[in-house]
Structures are given as C-alpha cells and as structure tokens.
Amino acid sequence: MMKSIYISSCVPDGGVWRCGFDGETLTKRDFSPVGRVMYTAREGDTIYAVSLEPDSLDSFVVQAKLTDGRPGTFGGRIRTGRESCFIDVRDGDFYTADYSSAGVTKNGARTVTHTGCGSDPSRQEAPHPHQALLSPDGRYVLVCDLGLDRVFVYDRELTLVSQADAPKGQGIRHLVFAPDGKQVYAVNELGCSVTEFRWSDGELTALRTTPFPCAGKSYAGAVRLSENGDLLFISLRGDDTIAVYAREEKGLRLLRSFPCGGCWPRDFAVCGDRLLVANERSGNVCTMDFYGEIKSEISVPAPLCVMV
C-alpha cells in the first residue's frame, strides 16, 4: 500500500514535498511552495507548516487542505514568534515553540515567554523553547526549553501546570511519549543523552539520564520510538549516526548505532520497520531498516522534518 510522506525543505524556495512510500522506496510526487519550512504537523485533512520569513527569523504558520493526500495551496498566514522551530496541532489549535523569542505561542494569538538562562554560556544564554508537544490525551502542552534544561507543562490555554528539569547543561530538545502514555523520553542536544520521565496527569518525574557514546563533538537531533514501543531511536548530528536502544524496566540499553546515510540527521520518522532519515546538510532523505541498511534515497534541499 502506498503511503504519503511529507518532507519540509528549509531553503528560500523551499516548501513541502509529498512523497509516496511503498514500504521500501520513497518517490517524489508533489511540491507545495512555502519558503523556509521549519516543521509541519497534520490534523485530519489539514497540514500546518511553520516557516521563516525570507530575510529574517520572524515566523509564520500557514495551512493547506489535503485532497487524496496531495496538499493544496498553503495560505492563511498567521504570525508567531521568532525562529519558531516546532508546531503541533489538536482540535484546530496549533502551538509553536519559538526558539529565538523564548516563547510558546497558541494560534499566533497568545504567547507565554520564558525567562532565565542555563549553565552553558554559548548555547544557554537565554531560554530557547525547542518543542511544544501536546500530550496524548490532548489536555496539556509540554514545552522543551533547551536554554533552561527544563520541560514546562501547560494546559491548553498556556497556564503553567508543572515543570521538571533535566541535568544542567544537557540542553533538552525533544521528547516522545511511550505507547502506554506513562513514560516520556527526552533527548538532550548538548549533553548527547536521554532523560527518562514518569508522566501522570500533568506531572513529570525525572527517573534517570542515559548518555550515549559519541566519537566526536555531536548534537542530538530527533527521538522516536518503534511502533510497538520496544525500541528507542536517536539521531546524532556530528557523528552522523542513528543510535538504537532497547527499552527495559531498568532503563535504556544500547543495541547498536549506524551511519545515517548523509550529514546532519536533523529529523527522522519511523514507518513500520523502516526509518526515513532527513539529512539536513547533505540534502538527502534515506530509507533504511533498523540495522542501517539503506533501501532508497531521494534529494531534498535542507530537509528539516519528516511527517508520516
């Protein structure tokens, strides 16, 4: 069965590529111009794209309707913060993490701004929200702040409910919920580690932080789980590898790591028993199995997000 995959391209004449995927091979189908797309999200038959203005870090969100999987024209531009690098959507409400303006924004209309700094003067001189992710039940918005080593938990109106910290200097970037909704895994960009949390009704409790081996200076990128939840995957930019962990009762156990098929694996998605890896600096997206064998490859300028 052919599946539609959406890949964002963050270049001045970029946009969203729709690709067909048959479980083995990615094939380009359609291109919808937007500009410098940072991230995409989908709800039903609507795709939301958060993008940068052509000549600044000012950001905006646009939408497009899908017809048989193909996006129509993106429109309805709504301004958000500066360098908005993530978007999530539920019930027609969208939330962005605004990296350079230190905030999280709902529908471009309501913003909460973080304050403070972290322990790394070069990367944590200010707050840097990097992800605004809705909880599986849709009641909460979890915001990873790389500059503060903290996850903020808000309700849907952006009222603070709770917060939890990763170890200092780790640079918490993105998180993913386990299928049962009780465990959360957060990847730390600066520390190249994963912090595991317990989740219960709007509260995170830090359990442990697991470093992963790096051959050189690397920055963690994306974190994903296999569809059955047994495996955790991390991308490492610099080493340019994918690390694979087994989820066990006592924590994570490294199984293997392998080359990502390009340079700077900023994002990837899990689709069945395949990984779709977006290599930002080499401008390619690779399909590979869970052992690193490349099955297919396409060229996309500066791919930043893969949405299944």
Protein backbone atom coordinates (compact mmCIF):
# COMPACT_ATOMS: atom_id res chain seq x y z
CA MET A 1 0.00 0.00 0.00
CA MET A 2 1.37 3.40 -0.99
CA LYS A 3 1.61 5.88 1.89
CA SER A 4 2.04 9.66 1.69
CA ILE A 5 5.09 11.10 3.46
CA TYR A 6 5.60 14.87 3.83
CA ILE A 7 9.11 16.34 3.90
CA SER A 8 9.82 20.00 4.61
CA SER A 9 12.63 21.87 2.87
CA CYS A 10 14.13 24.92 4.60
CA VAL A 11 15.60 26.94 1.72
CA PRO A 12 14.36 30.27 0.26
CA ASP A 13 12.40 28.48 -2.47
CA GLY A 14 11.51 25.57 -0.22
CA GLY A 15 8.22 24.11 0.87
CA VAL A 16 6.67 20.71 1.47
CA TRP A 17 7.34 17.66 -0.71
CA ARG A 18 4.75 14.91 -0.79
CA CYS A 19 6.40 11.56 -1.40
CA GLY A 20 4.94 8.15 -1.99
CA PHE A 21 6.31 5.33 0.16
CA ASP A 22 5.66 1.66 -0.56
CA GLY A 23 7.50 0.38 2.49
CA GLU A 24 10.83 0.29 0.72
CA THR A 25 11.19 3.20 -1.71
CA LEU A 26 10.47 6.93 -1.39
CA THR A 27 9.28 8.63 -4.59
CA LYS A 28 8.68 12.37 -5.00
CA ARG A 29 5.12 13.16 -6.04
CA ASP A 30 4.14 16.81 -5.50
CA PHE A 31 5.71 20.03 -4.23
CA SER A 32 3.88 22.82 -2.41
CA PRO A 33 5.92 26.05 -2.14
CA VAL A 34 6.01 27.84 1.20
CA GLY A 35 9.57 29.08 1.72
CA ARG A 36 11.82 28.18 4.63
CA VAL A 37 9.75 25.49 6.35
CA MET A 38 10.95 24.53 9.81
CA TYR A 39 8.36 21.94 10.81
CA THR A 40 4.97 20.53 9.86
CA ALA A 41 2.01 18.98 11.65
CA ARG A 42 -1.18 17.36 10.43
CA GLU A 43 -4.70 17.06 11.75
CA GLY A 44 -7.21 15.24 9.59
CA ASP A 45 -7.11 16.64 6.08
CA THR A 46 -5.11 19.77 7.00
CA ILE A 47 -1.35 20.29 7.06
CA TYR A 48 0.13 23.09 9.14
CA ALA A 49 3.59 24.42 8.26
CA VAL A 50 5.65 26.81 10.38
CA SER A 51 8.14 28.79 8.32
CA LEU A 52 10.64 31.64 8.44
CA GLU A 53 10.28 34.87 6.51
CA PRO A 54 12.66 35.11 3.52
CA ASP A 55 15.05 37.61 5.12
CA SER A 56 14.61 37.24 8.89
CA LEU A 57 13.89 34.84 11.74
CA ASP A 58 10.31 36.10 12.02
CA SER A 59 7.98 33.13 11.71
CA PHE A 60 4.50 32.37 10.44
CA VAL A 61 2.10 29.44 10.14
CA VAL A 62 0.17 28.51 7.01
CA GLN A 63 -2.30 25.73 6.27
CA ALA A 64 -3.22 23.58 3.29
CA LYS A 65 -6.05 21.12 2.72
CA LEU A 66 -5.26 17.62 1.51
CA THR A 67 -7.05 16.05 -1.44
CA ASP A 68 -6.21 12.37 -1.86
CA GLY A 69 -3.08 13.09 0.17
CA ARG A 70 -1.97 15.99 -2.01
CA PRO A 71 -1.66 19.42 -0.34
CA GLY A 72 -3.45 22.34 -1.94
CA THR A 73 -2.11 25.89 -1.82
CA PHE A 74 -0.80 26.97 1.56
CA GLY A 75 -2.47 30.11 2.89
CA GLY A 76 -3.97 31.89 5.89
CA ARG A 77 -0.65 33.26 7.11
CA ILE A 78 -0.55 33.80 10.89
CA ARG A 79 2.48 35.32 12.58
CA THR A 80 4.10 33.53 15.52
CA GLY A 81 7.41 34.25 17.30
CA ARG A 82 11.00 34.37 16.09
CA GLU A 83 12.61 31.22 14.74
CA SER A 84 9.61 29.05 15.53
CA CYS A 85 11.06 25.57 15.09
CA PHE A 86 8.23 23.23 16.04
CA ILE A 87 4.46 23.03 15.64
CA ASP A 88 1.80 20.68 16.98
CA VAL A 89 -1.96 20.80 16.49
CA ARG A 90 -5.10 19.42 18.13
CA ASP A 91 -8.76 20.29 17.61
CA GLY A 92 -7.74 23.11 15.27
CA ASP A 93 -5.49 24.78 17.88
CA PHE A 94 -1.81 24.98 16.98
CA TYR A 95 1.16 25.59 19.27
CA THR A 96 4.65 26.70 18.25
CA ALA A 97 7.96 26.66 20.11
CA ASP A 98 9.65 29.99 19.36
CA TYR A 99 13.36 29.39 19.79
CA SER A 100 14.75 32.94 19.47
CA SER A 101 11.90 34.82 21.13
CA ALA A 102 11.86 32.44 24.12
CA GLY A 103 8.17 31.66 24.00
CA VAL A 104 5.40 29.21 23.22
CA THR A 105 2.50 30.54 21.15
CA LYS A 106 -1.07 29.33 20.74
CA ASN A 107 -2.73 30.09 17.40
CA GLY A 108 -0.39 33.04 16.90
CA ALA A 109 -2.52 34.97 19.42
CA ARG A 110 -1.43 34.02 22.93
CA THR A 111 2.23 33.76 23.96
CA VAL A 112 3.96 32.77 27.18
CA THR A 113 7.60 33.89 27.38
CA HIS A 114 10.23 32.05 29.39
CA THR A 115 12.96 33.85 31.37
CA GLY A 116 16.35 32.91 32.79
CA CYS A 117 19.45 31.17 31.47
CA GLY A 118 21.27 27.87 31.70
CA SER A 119 24.80 26.80 32.55
CA ASP A 120 26.31 26.85 29.03
CA PRO A 121 27.09 30.50 28.15
CA SER A 122 27.38 29.79 24.44
CA ARG A 123 24.07 27.94 23.96
CA GLN A 124 22.09 28.63 27.12
CA GLU A 125 22.50 32.39 27.43
CA ALA A 126 18.70 32.68 27.26
CA PRO A 127 15.62 30.45 27.10
CA HIS A 128 15.28 28.53 23.83
CA PRO A 129 12.00 26.59 23.54
CA HIS A 130 12.53 23.82 21.01
CA GLN A 131 9.35 21.75 21.12
CA ALA A 132 5.70 22.34 22.04
CA LEU A 133 4.10 18.89 22.07
CA LEU A 134 0.54 18.04 23.03
CA SER A 135 0.10 15.15 25.46
CA PRO A 136 -1.60 12.01 24.08
CA ASP A 137 -4.91 12.95 25.73
CA GLY A 138 -4.71 16.48 24.34
CA ARG A 139 -5.05 18.16 27.74
CA TYR A 140 -1.51 19.50 28.11
CA VAL A 141 1.25 21.17 26.10
CA LEU A 142 4.79 20.09 27.00
CA VAL A 143 7.50 22.60 26.07
CA CYS A 144 11.15 21.56 25.99
CA ASP A 145 13.42 24.53 26.69
CA LEU A 146 16.98 23.87 25.54
CA GLY A 147 18.28 27.03 27.20
CA LEU A 148 16.89 26.20 30.63
CA ASP A 149 17.21 22.38 30.74
CA ARG A 150 13.53 22.27 31.62
CA VAL A 151 10.21 20.88 30.43
CA PHE A 152 7.28 23.21 31.10
CA VAL A 153 3.81 21.64 31.25
CA TYR A 154 0.94 23.98 30.33
CA ASP A 155 -2.76 23.49 29.93
CA ARG A 156 -4.33 24.22 26.56
CA GLU A 157 -4.66 27.94 27.45
CA LEU A 158 -0.93 28.11 28.32
CA THR A 159 -1.41 28.32 32.07
CA LEU A 160 1.56 26.69 33.79
CA VAL A 161 0.69 23.37 35.44
CA SER A 162 4.11 21.97 36.39
CA GLN A 163 7.75 21.79 35.35
CA ALA A 164 10.61 19.30 35.51
CA ASP A 165 14.34 19.57 34.89
CA ALA A 166 16.98 17.61 33.04
CA PRO A 167 20.54 17.74 34.45
CA LYS A 168 22.28 21.09 33.98
CA GLY A 169 23.92 21.75 30.65
CA GLN A 170 22.16 18.90 28.84
CA GLY A 171 20.07 21.13 26.56
CA ILE A 172 16.73 19.32 26.49
CA ARG A 173 15.43 19.37 22.89
CA HIS A 174 12.58 17.00 22.02
CA LEU A 175 10.56 14.34 23.79
CA VAL A 176 8.39 11.38 22.88
CA PHE A 177 5.66 9.54 24.79
CA ALA A 178 5.74 5.77 25.19
CA PRO A 179 2.66 3.99 23.79
CA ASP A 180 1.20 3.50 27.28
CA GLY A 181 1.45 7.24 27.97
CA LYS A 182 3.21 6.66 31.29
CA GLN A 183 6.83 7.13 30.22
CA VAL A 184 8.43 10.08 28.43
CA TYR A 185 11.86 10.10 26.80
CA ALA A 186 13.56 13.47 26.23
CA VAL A 187 16.63 13.79 24.04
CA ASN A 188 19.24 16.28 25.21
CA GLU A 189 21.01 18.09 22.36
CA LEU A 190 24.06 19.43 24.20
CA GLY A 191 24.72 16.51 26.53
CA CYS A 192 24.03 13.79 23.96
CA SER A 193 21.84 11.92 26.40
CA VAL A 194 18.28 10.83 27.07
CA THR A 195 16.35 11.76 30.20
CA GLU A 196 13.53 9.42 31.11
CA PHE A 197 10.49 10.78 32.95
CA ARG A 198 7.43 9.25 34.51
CA TRP A 199 4.22 11.01 33.40
CA SER A 200 0.98 11.23 35.35
CA ASP A 201 -1.84 13.73 34.89
CA GLY A 202 0.26 16.78 34.00
CA GLU A 203 3.27 15.92 36.17
CA LEU A 204 6.73 14.75 35.04
CA THR A 205 9.09 12.97 37.41
CA ALA A 206 12.71 12.55 36.27
CA LEU A 207 13.92 8.96 36.64
CA ARG A 208 17.36 8.72 35.01
CA THR A 209 19.58 10.24 32.35
CA THR A 210 21.45 7.94 29.97
CA PRO A 211 24.43 9.23 27.95
CA PHE A 212 25.12 7.75 24.57
CA PRO A 213 28.58 7.23 23.12
CA CYS A 214 29.86 9.84 20.67
CA ALA A 215 33.05 9.51 18.63
CA GLY A 216 33.43 13.30 18.35
CA LYS A 217 31.55 16.51 19.06
CA SER A 218 27.92 15.76 18.35
CA TYR A 219 24.50 17.25 18.91
CA ALA A 220 21.46 15.05 19.42
CA GLY A 221 18.62 15.67 16.98
CA ALA A 222 15.37 13.72 16.99
CA VAL A 223 13.99 10.97 19.21
CA ARG A 224 11.43 8.38 18.09
CA LEU A 225 10.00 5.06 19.22
CA SER A 226 9.24 1.99 17.13
CA GLU A 227 5.54 1.47 16.55
CA ASN A 228 5.36 -1.25 19.22
CA GLY A 229 7.37 0.91 21.65
CA ASP A 230 10.16 -1.63 22.18
CA LEU A 231 12.95 0.39 20.52
CA LEU A 232 14.07 3.98 21.01
CA PHE A 233 15.96 5.76 18.21
CA ILE A 234 18.17 8.88 18.48
CA SER A 235 19.85 10.85 15.70
CA LEU A 236 23.32 12.30 16.31
CA ARG A 237 24.49 15.27 14.25
CA GLY A 238 28.26 15.38 14.02
CA ASP A 239 28.81 11.66 14.39
CA ASP A 240 26.04 11.41 11.77
CA THR A 241 24.64 8.23 13.20
CA ILE A 242 21.41 6.69 14.43
CA ALA A 243 21.55 5.04 17.85
CA VAL A 244 19.14 2.23 18.70
CA TYR A 245 18.16 1.41 22.29
CA ALA A 246 16.07 -1.31 23.85
CA ARG A 247 13.54 -0.10 26.41
CA GLU A 248 13.87 -2.19 29.56
CA GLU A 249 12.49 -1.99 33.08
CA LYS A 250 15.78 -0.67 34.45
CA GLY A 251 16.24 1.88 31.67
CA LEU A 252 17.70 2.00 28.18
CA ARG A 253 20.22 -0.47 26.75
CA LEU A 254 22.26 0.44 23.68
CA LEU A 255 21.86 -2.18 20.96
CA ARG A 256 23.78 -0.58 18.06
CA SER A 257 24.44 2.56 16.07
CA PHE A 258 24.97 3.02 12.34
CA PRO A 259 25.60 5.78 9.77
CA CYS A 260 22.61 7.94 8.88
CA GLY A 261 23.32 7.92 5.14
CA GLY A 262 24.29 11.57 4.95
CA CYS A 263 25.30 14.60 7.00
CA TRP A 264 23.48 16.17 9.96
CA PRO A 265 20.41 13.96 10.60
CA ARG A 266 18.11 16.64 11.98
CA ASP A 267 14.92 14.60 11.87
CA PHE A 268 13.62 11.16 11.05
CA ALA A 269 10.39 9.21 11.20
CA VAL A 270 9.50 5.60 11.87
CA CYS A 271 7.24 3.98 9.29
CA GLY A 272 6.62 0.30 10.01
CA ASP A 273 10.02 -1.37 10.10
CA ARG A 274 11.80 1.47 8.27
CA LEU A 275 13.44 4.75 9.26
CA LEU A 276 13.08 7.79 6.99
CA VAL A 277 16.10 9.99 7.83
CA ALA A 278 16.32 13.67 6.83
CA ASN A 279 19.98 14.69 6.48
CA GLU A 280 19.96 18.48 6.54
CA ARG A 281 23.45 19.36 5.32
CA SER A 282 23.81 16.68 2.64
CA GLY A 283 20.32 17.38 1.29
CA ASN A 284 19.03 13.83 1.17
CA VAL A 285 16.40 11.62 2.79
CA CYS A 286 17.31 7.96 3.25
CA THR A 287 15.05 4.98 3.83
CA MET A 288 16.79 2.33 5.94
CA ASP A 289 15.99 -0.64 8.09
CA PHE A 290 16.59 -0.79 11.83
CA TYR A 291 20.14 -2.06 11.22
CA GLY A 292 21.18 0.78 8.92
CA GLU A 293 20.85 -0.87 5.52
CA ILE A 294 19.82 1.83 3.04
CA LYS A 295 16.87 0.84 0.87
CA SER A 296 16.30 4.07 -1.09
CA GLU A 297 17.32 7.72 -1.18
CA ILE A 298 15.95 10.99 -2.57
CA SER A 299 17.38 14.50 -2.84
CA VAL A 300 15.68 17.33 -0.89
CA PRO A 301 17.44 20.65 -0.15
CA ALA A 302 17.88 21.14 3.62
CA PRO A 303 15.23 18.66 4.81
CA LEU A 304 14.26 19.53 8.40
CA CYS A 305 11.14 17.50 9.09
CA VAL A 306 9.69 14.15 8.03
CA MET A 307 5.98 13.69 8.74
CA VAL A 308 4.31 10.31 8.32
